Protein backbone atom coordinates (compact mmCIF):
# COMPACT_ATOMS: atom_id res chain seq x y z
CA MET A 1 75.07 -19.69 -5.43
CA ARG A 2 73.90 -20.37 -8.96
CA LEU A 3 75.37 -22.63 -11.65
CA VAL A 4 75.04 -21.11 -15.12
CA ARG A 5 75.30 -23.13 -18.33
CA THR A 6 75.16 -21.24 -21.60
CA LEU A 7 75.73 -22.29 -25.20
CA VAL A 8 77.81 -19.93 -27.33
CA SER A 9 79.37 -20.12 -30.76
CA ALA A 10 83.00 -21.20 -31.02
CA ASP A 11 83.89 -17.80 -32.45
CA ALA A 12 82.61 -16.07 -29.30
CA VAL A 13 84.42 -18.26 -26.76
CA ASP A 14 87.36 -15.91 -26.40
CA GLU A 15 85.06 -12.95 -25.70
CA VAL A 16 83.03 -14.96 -23.19
CA GLU A 17 86.16 -16.10 -21.37
CA ALA A 18 87.46 -12.54 -21.31
CA ILE A 19 84.26 -11.38 -19.59
CA LEU A 20 84.38 -14.21 -17.06
CA ASP A 21 88.09 -13.65 -16.40
CA GLY A 22 87.34 -9.97 -15.85
CA TYR A 23 85.10 -10.95 -12.94
CA ASP A 24 87.53 -13.70 -11.78
CA ILE A 25 84.82 -16.29 -12.38
CA ASP A 26 86.03 -19.89 -12.57
CA HIS A 27 84.56 -21.59 -15.61
CA VAL A 28 84.64 -24.70 -17.77
CA VAL A 29 84.41 -24.80 -21.57
CA VAL A 30 83.09 -28.00 -23.18
CA ARG A 31 82.73 -28.76 -26.87
CA GLU A 32 79.06 -29.42 -27.75
CA ALA A 33 78.50 -32.95 -29.10
CA SER A 34 75.27 -32.48 -31.07
CA ASP A 35 74.80 -31.44 -34.68
CA ARG A 36 75.88 -27.91 -33.87
CA GLU A 37 79.60 -28.37 -34.41
CA ASP A 38 80.40 -24.71 -33.87
CA ALA A 39 78.70 -24.58 -30.45
CA VAL A 40 80.51 -24.57 -27.11
CA LEU A 41 79.00 -25.04 -23.64
CA VAL A 42 80.34 -22.69 -20.98
CA GLU A 43 79.63 -23.51 -17.34
CA PHE A 44 80.43 -21.33 -14.34
CA PRO A 45 79.28 -20.78 -10.72
CA VAL A 46 78.38 -17.27 -9.51
CA PRO A 47 76.63 -15.73 -6.50
CA THR A 48 72.91 -15.20 -7.01
CA GLN A 49 73.40 -11.45 -6.93
CA ALA A 50 75.88 -11.59 -9.84
CA VAL A 51 73.81 -13.64 -12.28
CA GLU A 52 72.00 -10.71 -13.89
CA THR A 53 75.18 -8.64 -14.22
CA VAL A 54 77.13 -11.41 -15.93
CA LEU A 55 74.30 -12.55 -18.20
CA ASP A 56 73.70 -8.99 -19.39
CA GLU A 57 77.27 -8.83 -20.71
CA LEU A 58 77.09 -12.29 -22.24
CA ARG A 59 73.90 -11.39 -24.11
CA ASP A 60 75.67 -8.52 -25.83
CA ILE A 61 78.07 -10.92 -27.55
CA GLY A 62 75.79 -13.95 -27.87
CA ASP A 63 72.43 -14.70 -29.40
CA GLY A 64 70.51 -12.50 -26.97
CA GLU A 65 67.12 -13.87 -26.00
CA ASP A 66 67.55 -16.89 -28.32
CA ALA A 67 70.64 -18.16 -26.49
CA TYR A 68 70.48 -21.49 -24.67
CA THR A 69 71.07 -20.65 -21.00
CA VAL A 70 70.21 -22.59 -17.86
CA VAL A 71 70.51 -21.20 -14.33
CA ALA A 72 70.37 -23.80 -11.55
CA SER A 73 70.86 -23.72 -7.79
CA ALA A 74 74.26 -24.86 -6.53
CA GLU A 75 74.26 -26.33 -3.04
CA SER A 76 78.01 -25.83 -2.57
CA VAL A 77 80.87 -24.66 -4.75
CA PHE A 78 84.59 -25.33 -4.37
CA ALA A 79 86.59 -23.15 -6.74
CA PRO A 80 89.62 -20.87 -6.44
CA HIS A 81 87.80 -17.53 -6.70
CA VAL A 82 84.48 -18.25 -4.98
CA ASP A 83 85.38 -16.39 -1.80
CA GLU A 84 86.39 -13.28 -3.75
CA LEU A 85 83.13 -13.35 -5.73
CA GLU A 86 81.03 -13.63 -2.58
CA ALA A 87 82.96 -10.81 -0.94
CA ARG A 88 82.37 -8.64 -3.99
CA PHE A 89 78.72 -9.36 -4.80
CA VAL A 90 77.25 -10.55 -1.48
CA THR A 91 78.91 -8.38 1.15
CA GLY A 92 80.95 -5.91 -0.89
CA THR A 93 80.36 -2.73 -2.84
CA GLU A 94 78.40 -4.51 -5.57
CA GLU A 95 75.99 -6.06 -3.10
CA ASP A 96 72.52 -6.45 -4.60
CA ASP A 97 69.83 -8.81 -3.35
CA ALA A 98 67.89 -8.82 -6.63
CA ILE A 99 68.00 -12.06 -8.59
CA ALA A 100 68.19 -12.45 -12.36
CA THR A 101 65.26 -11.55 -14.56
CA GLU A 102 64.95 -15.11 -15.87
CA GLU A 103 64.81 -16.45 -12.33
CA VAL A 104 62.14 -13.93 -11.33
CA ARG A 105 60.08 -14.93 -14.36
CA ALA A 106 60.43 -18.65 -13.64
CA THR A 107 59.74 -18.28 -9.91
CA ALA A 108 56.60 -16.22 -10.52
CA LEU A 109 55.24 -18.85 -12.89
CA ASP A 110 56.05 -21.65 -10.43
CA LEU A 111 54.08 -19.91 -7.66
CA THR A 112 50.77 -20.70 -9.35
CA PRO A 113 49.79 -24.37 -8.97
CA SER A 114 47.86 -26.41 -11.53
CA PRO A 115 44.36 -25.09 -12.39
CA LEU A 116 42.63 -27.87 -10.46
CA THR A 117 44.65 -27.19 -7.33
CA TYR A 118 44.43 -23.41 -7.69
CA TYR A 119 40.68 -23.15 -8.12
CA SER A 120 39.93 -25.90 -5.59
CA MET A 121 42.05 -24.25 -2.90
CA THR A 122 40.58 -20.84 -3.72
CA ALA A 123 37.03 -22.16 -3.34
CA LEU A 124 37.90 -23.93 -0.09
CA SER A 125 39.52 -20.79 1.32
CA ALA A 126 36.38 -18.82 0.43
CA LEU A 127 34.19 -21.34 2.26
CA VAL A 128 36.40 -21.17 5.35
CA ALA A 129 36.42 -17.36 5.21
CA THR A 130 32.62 -17.29 4.92
CA ALA A 131 32.29 -19.51 7.98
CA GLY A 132 34.73 -17.30 9.86
CA LEU A 133 32.83 -14.12 8.96
CA LEU A 134 29.45 -15.55 9.98
CA LEU A 135 30.86 -16.99 13.21
CA ASP A 136 32.65 -13.69 13.85
CA SER A 137 35.86 -15.66 14.38
CA ALA A 138 39.12 -13.93 13.49
CA ALA A 139 41.04 -17.20 13.90
CA ILE A 140 38.98 -18.97 11.24
CA VAL A 141 39.31 -16.02 8.87
CA VAL A 142 43.09 -16.12 9.29
CA GLY A 143 42.99 -19.84 8.56
CA SER A 144 41.30 -19.15 5.23
CA MET A 145 44.17 -16.86 4.27
CA VAL A 146 46.77 -19.56 4.91
CA ILE A 147 45.33 -21.98 2.34
CA ALA A 148 44.56 -19.40 -0.37
CA PRO A 149 46.92 -19.69 -3.40
CA LEU A 150 46.32 -16.17 -4.75
CA VAL A 151 49.85 -14.80 -4.44
CA GLY A 152 51.08 -16.64 -7.54
CA SER A 153 48.59 -15.13 -9.97
CA ALA A 154 49.03 -11.66 -8.49
CA LEU A 155 52.82 -11.68 -8.84
CA THR A 156 52.68 -13.34 -12.26
CA ALA A 157 50.58 -10.46 -13.58
CA SER A 158 52.88 -7.87 -12.01
CA VAL A 159 56.03 -9.51 -13.39
CA GLY A 160 54.38 -9.74 -16.81
CA THR A 161 53.58 -6.03 -16.65
CA VAL A 162 57.13 -4.97 -15.78
CA LEU A 163 58.92 -7.37 -18.14
CA ASP A 164 56.46 -6.77 -20.99
CA GLU A 165 55.56 -10.46 -21.06
CA ARG A 166 52.08 -10.35 -22.55
CA ASP A 167 51.34 -14.03 -21.96
CA MET A 168 52.36 -13.79 -18.30
CA LEU A 169 50.37 -10.60 -17.84
CA TRP A 170 47.09 -11.89 -19.21
CA GLU A 171 47.50 -15.37 -17.74
CA GLY A 172 48.05 -13.86 -14.28
CA LEU A 173 45.08 -11.51 -14.62
CA LYS A 174 42.81 -14.22 -15.99
CA THR A 175 43.76 -16.68 -13.25
CA GLN A 176 43.29 -14.14 -10.49
CA LEU A 177 39.98 -12.76 -11.76
CA LEU A 178 38.53 -16.23 -12.31
CA GLY A 179 39.73 -17.23 -8.86
CA LEU A 180 38.06 -14.25 -7.21
CA VAL A 181 34.83 -14.81 -9.16
CA LEU A 182 34.89 -18.42 -8.00
CA ALA A 183 35.52 -17.30 -4.42
CA ILE A 184 32.54 -14.92 -4.52
CA ALA A 185 30.32 -17.59 -6.09
CA ALA A 186 31.38 -20.19 -3.51
CA ALA A 187 30.77 -17.77 -0.64
CA THR A 188 27.37 -16.82 -2.07
CA ALA A 189 26.25 -20.43 -2.50
CA PHE A 190 27.55 -21.44 0.92
CA GLY A 191 25.98 -18.41 2.60
CA ALA A 192 22.62 -18.99 0.92
CA ALA A 193 22.67 -22.66 1.93
CA LEU A 194 23.37 -21.75 5.55
CA ARG A 195 20.71 -19.05 5.56
CA TYR A 196 17.85 -21.04 4.05
CA ALA A 197 18.73 -24.27 5.83
CA THR A 198 18.27 -22.37 9.14
CA VAL A 199 21.69 -23.51 10.29
CA LEU A 200 22.30 -20.01 11.63
CA PRO A 201 20.01 -18.08 13.98
CA PRO A 202 17.19 -16.39 12.00
CA ALA A 203 17.88 -13.16 13.86
CA LEU A 204 21.49 -13.00 12.60
CA ASN A 205 22.23 -9.52 11.27
CA VAL A 206 25.26 -9.66 9.00
CA THR A 207 25.66 -5.89 9.08
CA THR A 208 26.47 -5.95 12.80
CA THR A 209 28.85 -8.93 12.72
CA GLN A 210 32.23 -7.45 13.56
CA GLN A 211 34.25 -9.47 11.03
CA ILE A 212 31.88 -8.43 8.23
CA ALA A 213 31.40 -4.84 9.34
CA GLY A 214 35.16 -4.32 9.19
CA ARG A 215 35.17 -5.17 5.48
CA VAL A 216 32.19 -3.25 4.12
CA SER A 217 33.46 0.29 4.68
CA PRO A 218 36.78 0.68 2.80
CA GLY A 219 39.23 3.17 4.23
CA LEU A 220 42.77 4.39 3.77
CA LEU A 221 44.19 1.64 5.95
CA SER A 222 42.51 -0.96 3.73
CA ILE A 223 44.40 0.40 0.72
CA VAL A 224 47.62 0.42 2.73
CA VAL A 225 47.16 -3.29 3.50
CA GLY A 226 46.81 -4.14 -0.19
CA ALA A 227 49.73 -1.94 -1.23
CA CYS A 228 52.02 -3.38 1.44
CA ALA A 229 51.02 -6.92 0.47
CA GLY A 230 51.93 -6.32 -3.17
CA ALA A 231 55.20 -4.58 -2.30
CA ALA A 232 56.22 -7.32 0.13
CA GLY A 233 55.42 -9.98 -2.45
CA ALA A 234 57.57 -8.24 -5.06
CA PHE A 235 60.50 -7.83 -2.66
CA GLY A 236 60.26 -11.49 -1.65
CA LEU A 237 60.13 -12.62 -5.26
CA ALA A 238 62.97 -10.40 -6.46
CA THR A 239 65.35 -11.26 -3.63
CA GLY A 240 64.80 -15.00 -3.61
CA VAL A 241 63.16 -14.94 -0.18
CA SER A 242 60.29 -17.38 0.34
CA VAL A 243 56.99 -15.75 -0.53
CA ALA A 244 54.89 -18.28 1.40
CA LEU A 245 54.33 -15.91 4.31
CA VAL A 246 53.78 -13.01 1.93
CA GLY A 247 51.09 -15.12 0.30
CA VAL A 248 49.13 -15.01 3.55
CA MET A 249 49.33 -11.22 3.45
CA VAL A 250 48.05 -11.09 -0.13
CA ALA A 251 45.23 -13.46 0.77
CA ALA A 252 44.39 -11.29 3.78
CA ALA A 253 43.66 -8.43 1.40
CA LEU A 254 41.51 -10.51 -0.96
CA VAL A 255 39.85 -13.62 0.50
CA PRO A 256 37.81 -12.10 3.38
CA ALA A 257 36.60 -9.28 1.13
CA ALA A 258 35.50 -11.76 -1.56
CA ALA A 259 33.71 -13.83 1.09
CA ALA A 260 32.00 -10.71 2.44
CA VAL A 261 30.70 -9.95 -1.07
CA GLY A 262 29.17 -13.42 -1.18
CA VAL A 263 27.60 -13.00 2.25
CA GLY A 264 26.08 -9.68 1.20
CA ILE A 265 24.59 -11.27 -1.91
CA ALA A 266 23.30 -14.33 -0.03
CA TRP A 267 21.60 -12.19 2.62
CA GLY A 268 20.32 -9.65 0.10
CA VAL A 269 22.13 -6.70 1.68
CA PRO A 270 23.44 -4.49 -1.16
CA GLY A 271 25.41 -2.26 1.21
CA VAL A 272 27.51 -5.19 2.41
CA ALA A 273 28.02 -6.62 -1.08
CA VAL A 274 28.96 -3.31 -2.70
CA GLY A 275 31.15 -2.11 0.14
CA ALA A 276 33.08 -5.39 0.26
CA PHE A 277 33.35 -5.48 -3.55
CA LEU A 278 34.82 -1.98 -3.59
CA LEU A 279 37.33 -3.06 -0.95
CA LEU A 280 38.21 -6.09 -3.07
CA VAL A 281 38.73 -3.98 -6.20
CA LEU A 282 40.88 -1.49 -4.33
CA ASN A 283 43.06 -4.24 -2.90
CA VAL A 284 43.50 -5.96 -6.27
CA VAL A 285 44.57 -2.68 -7.88
CA ALA A 286 46.81 -1.72 -4.96
CA ILE A 287 48.53 -5.13 -4.98
CA HIS A 288 49.28 -5.01 -8.70
CA LEU A 289 50.43 -1.39 -8.81
CA SER A 290 52.65 -1.65 -5.72
CA ALA A 291 54.21 -4.95 -6.86
CA ALA A 292 54.93 -3.56 -10.33
CA ALA A 293 56.35 -0.36 -8.84
CA VAL A 294 58.71 -2.29 -6.55
CA LEU A 295 59.92 -4.54 -9.38
CA TRP A 296 60.52 -1.48 -11.54
CA TYR A 297 62.37 0.22 -8.68
CA LEU A 298 64.60 -2.85 -8.30
CA GLY A 299 65.67 -2.48 -11.92
CA TYR A 300 63.58 -5.04 -13.77
CA ARG A 301 62.79 -3.95 -17.32
CA PRO A 302 61.61 -5.51 -20.60
CA GLU A 303 64.38 -7.30 -22.48
CA ARG A 304 66.02 -5.09 -25.10
CA SER A 305 65.15 -5.94 -28.67
CA THR A 306 67.66 -5.98 -31.48
CA ALA A 307 67.82 -2.51 -32.91
CA GLY A 308 66.25 -2.27 -36.34
CA GLY A 309 64.91 -5.82 -36.29
CA ASP A 310 61.37 -7.11 -36.35
CA ASP A 311 61.33 -7.35 -32.57
CA ALA A 312 62.14 -3.69 -32.27
CA VAL A 313 59.27 -2.81 -34.58
CA GLY A 314 56.82 -4.88 -32.53
CA ALA A 315 58.16 -3.82 -29.15
CA THR A 316 56.02 -0.72 -28.87
CA PRO A 317 52.65 -2.45 -29.43
CA ARG A 318 53.59 -5.21 -27.00
CA TYR A 319 54.65 -2.74 -24.34
CA ALA A 320 51.51 -0.71 -24.99
CA SER A 321 49.38 -3.55 -23.59
CA ALA A 322 51.12 -3.26 -20.23
CA ALA A 323 50.83 0.53 -20.37
CA VAL A 324 47.10 0.33 -21.09
CA LEU A 325 46.65 -2.07 -18.18
CA ALA A 326 48.56 0.27 -15.89
CA LEU A 327 46.34 3.17 -16.96
CA VAL A 328 43.18 1.11 -16.41
CA LEU A 329 44.35 0.07 -12.95
CA ALA A 330 45.31 3.64 -12.10
CA ALA A 331 41.92 4.94 -13.29
CA THR A 332 40.16 2.26 -11.26
CA LEU A 333 42.19 3.23 -8.23
CA LEU A 334 41.35 6.91 -8.71
CA VAL A 335 37.61 6.30 -9.10
CA SER A 336 37.44 3.83 -6.23
CA GLY A 337 39.75 6.02 -4.21
CA GLY A 338 37.39 8.96 -4.73
CA LEU A 339 34.50 6.95 -3.30
CA VAL A 340 36.66 5.82 -0.41
CA ALA A 341 37.84 9.37 0.22
CA ALA A 342 34.22 10.50 0.43
CA GLN A 343 33.47 7.64 2.82
CA ILE A 344 36.49 8.52 4.97
CA GLY A 345 35.41 12.16 5.05
CA PHE A 346 31.92 11.22 6.16
CA GLU A 347 33.28 8.91 8.88
CA ARG A 348 35.47 11.71 10.19
CA GLN A 349 32.55 14.15 10.29
CA ALA A 350 30.34 11.54 11.96
CA ASN A 351 33.00 10.97 14.62
CA GLU A 352 33.28 14.70 15.25
CA ALA A 353 29.49 15.09 15.42
CA ALA A 354 29.11 12.24 17.92
CA GLY A 355 31.95 13.65 20.01
CA ASP A 356 30.41 17.13 20.01
CA VAL A 357 27.04 15.79 21.17
CA LEU A 358 28.59 13.76 23.99
CA ALA A 359 30.62 16.79 25.06
CA ASP A 360 27.38 18.39 26.29
CA GLU A 361 27.02 18.48 30.10
CA SER A 362 23.81 16.44 29.94
CA TYR A 363 25.87 13.51 28.64
CA ALA A 364 28.79 13.93 31.02
CA ASP A 365 28.45 10.35 32.30
CA LEU A 366 28.73 8.85 28.82
CA GLU A 367 31.92 7.74 27.10
CA LEU A 368 32.23 7.40 23.32
CA VAL A 369 33.65 3.97 22.43
CA SER A 370 33.46 3.88 18.63
CA VAL A 371 31.68 5.24 15.56
CA SER A 372 31.27 3.17 12.39
CA THR A 373 29.45 3.76 9.13
CA ALA A 374 28.05 1.33 6.57
CA PHE A 375 28.98 1.79 2.93
CA ARG A 376 25.90 2.64 0.90
CA LEU A 377 25.06 1.35 -2.57
CA ARG A 378 25.29 4.86 -4.05
CA ALA A 379 28.28 5.89 -1.94
CA PRO A 380 28.20 9.02 0.21
CA VAL A 381 28.90 11.49 -2.55
CA SER A 382 25.58 13.22 -3.06
CA VAL A 383 23.49 15.49 -0.88
CA GLY A 384 20.53 13.71 0.61
CA ASP A 385 22.09 10.24 0.43
CA GLU A 386 21.10 8.55 3.68
CA GLN A 387 23.84 6.93 5.73
CA ARG A 388 23.77 4.29 8.45
CA VAL A 389 25.88 5.14 11.47
CA THR A 390 26.47 2.95 14.51
CA VAL A 391 27.66 4.64 17.69
CA VAL A 392 28.88 2.59 20.65
CA VAL A 393 28.66 4.39 24.00
CA ALA A 394 29.51 3.32 27.55
CA ARG A 395 26.98 4.49 30.17
CA PRO A 396 26.21 3.95 33.86
CA ALA A 397 23.83 1.05 34.51
CA ASP A 398 20.10 1.78 34.33
CA ARG A 399 20.53 5.34 33.00
CA PRO A 400 18.33 5.82 29.89
CA TYR A 401 19.19 8.36 27.21
CA PRO A 402 16.23 8.09 24.81
CA GLU A 403 17.08 11.19 22.76
CA LEU A 404 20.76 10.47 22.20
CA SER A 405 20.38 8.82 18.79
CA ARG A 406 18.17 11.65 17.53
CA SER A 407 20.62 14.28 18.79
CA ILE A 408 23.54 12.61 17.04
CA ALA A 409 21.56 12.13 13.81
CA GLU A 410 20.55 15.80 13.74
CA ARG A 411 24.13 16.90 14.42
CA ILE A 412 25.49 14.68 11.64
CA GLU A 413 22.90 16.02 9.20
CA ARG A 414 23.82 19.62 10.06
CA GLU A 415 27.54 19.00 9.56
CA THR A 416 27.38 16.79 6.46
CA ASP A 417 24.13 17.81 4.71
CA ARG A 418 23.24 14.11 4.55
CA GLU A 419 20.47 12.26 6.31
CA ALA A 420 21.70 9.62 8.71
CA THR A 421 20.07 6.68 10.44
CA VAL A 422 21.87 6.45 13.76
CA THR A 423 21.89 3.35 15.95
CA VAL A 424 23.30 3.80 19.45
CA GLU A 425 24.60 0.68 21.16
CA PHE A 426 25.04 1.06 24.91
CA ILE A 427 27.62 -0.75 26.99
CA GLU A 428 26.31 -0.50 30.53
CA ARG A 429 28.82 -0.43 33.35
CA GLN A 430 28.43 -0.94 37.07
CA THR A 431 31.40 -0.08 39.26
CA ALA A 432 31.96 -0.65 42.96
CA THR A 433 35.04 0.36 44.96
CA THR A 434 36.11 -1.05 48.33
CA SER A 435 39.07 0.10 50.40
CA GLU A 436 41.27 -2.09 52.57
CA ALA A 437 44.34 -0.45 54.03
CA ASP A 438 45.98 1.27 51.06
CA ALA A 439 44.50 -1.00 48.37
CA ASP A 440 41.51 -0.28 46.16
CA THR A 441 39.67 -2.99 44.27
CA GLU A 442 37.39 -2.23 41.36
CA VAL A 443 34.78 -4.60 40.03
CA SER A 444 33.18 -3.88 36.66
CA ASN A 445 30.14 -5.57 35.22
CA MET A 446 29.76 -4.94 31.48
CA LEU A 447 26.31 -5.49 30.00
CA ALA A 448 25.59 -4.94 26.29
CA GLY A 449 22.46 -3.20 25.05
CA LYS A 450 21.10 -1.22 22.11
CA HIS A 451 19.02 1.89 21.62
């Protein structure tokens, strides 16, 4: 339940009471004691889902956006018509989980902590994510997502876009971009310190670390993660559901990718840095577009300006800023999406090529485990652009296949018209079977190797 207090002129009291009586809303009218002798304070409790509906009607007879209105949470309400209101707006035909526009605006702004807290927590989350990536620890990477405060800035920008709140829009974008730049810088500095202080093994290859490799080759599923994170955040914000857990999802799409960019820079591996940066850009765009789309779908719109007034004249330029941002984000998504689509196409062809080679009778004892590609600095969009492909294959113990990598590389080049550097990693298996009565026991010894 919400408790609404709004200040109206004495001349409009009868109209206000008529609207409230039409909804069977219990209310109190109090004469205002300040210098405004013609002002009256109207107070009434309503279900959360009814706030927007009632306020929309009150705005039409009041001072619009300039009216004094406060919406507060009500722990419990005892009034004659409360049960009927809840039956109508909470469980009845007018059920709607969306909360009032003012509450969405205020909640989005409250999600972002003070600058000191925001940037400090963002930097700390980037350091934790960098450690998790280098240690190849999924648990540590998840921990970095929990402490990242990025959901507030993301949703603030999306709400500002939909409601045509220029200050919210640019403040959200500025806060998020500065936070991500800080995260990349922190990850770069931390990674460089670890590298040159010989804290990590000198032979560490960041391109083969699983947690990093999974974030340097953007794919369709990566975009889905970002889009779902933004949509979930918008639903949580608009329905009054806690967005704390959604914040972890938003951070999952941003923090590890930002940390991977820093690792790529610190180790001087452009492929890692560029691939992770592209993933980061895609996720930022996907989060904002999906969140804005969900808020628009739920009915949130810019406040109507008074027809013929100064606000109406200036409404178009103000709304144009949000439209321009939407176009820029859409263009970024299309360009980045084109690069990702090319990468996805190459991965599919590489998978097919590796599968075709292993289908030959001479490789009957081999089993294809996985095929992965590294995102190149120039992206796989031009003929002759060399690609790095890693193929993981299970083989019988002590059975060499010295020509396998060459065969796969040649097959990939024939099917894609692109040169490929193929690394084959073998998982050697040794299997023994013993029989006792009707039971069989299998013992497998897995040994890792490379070719």
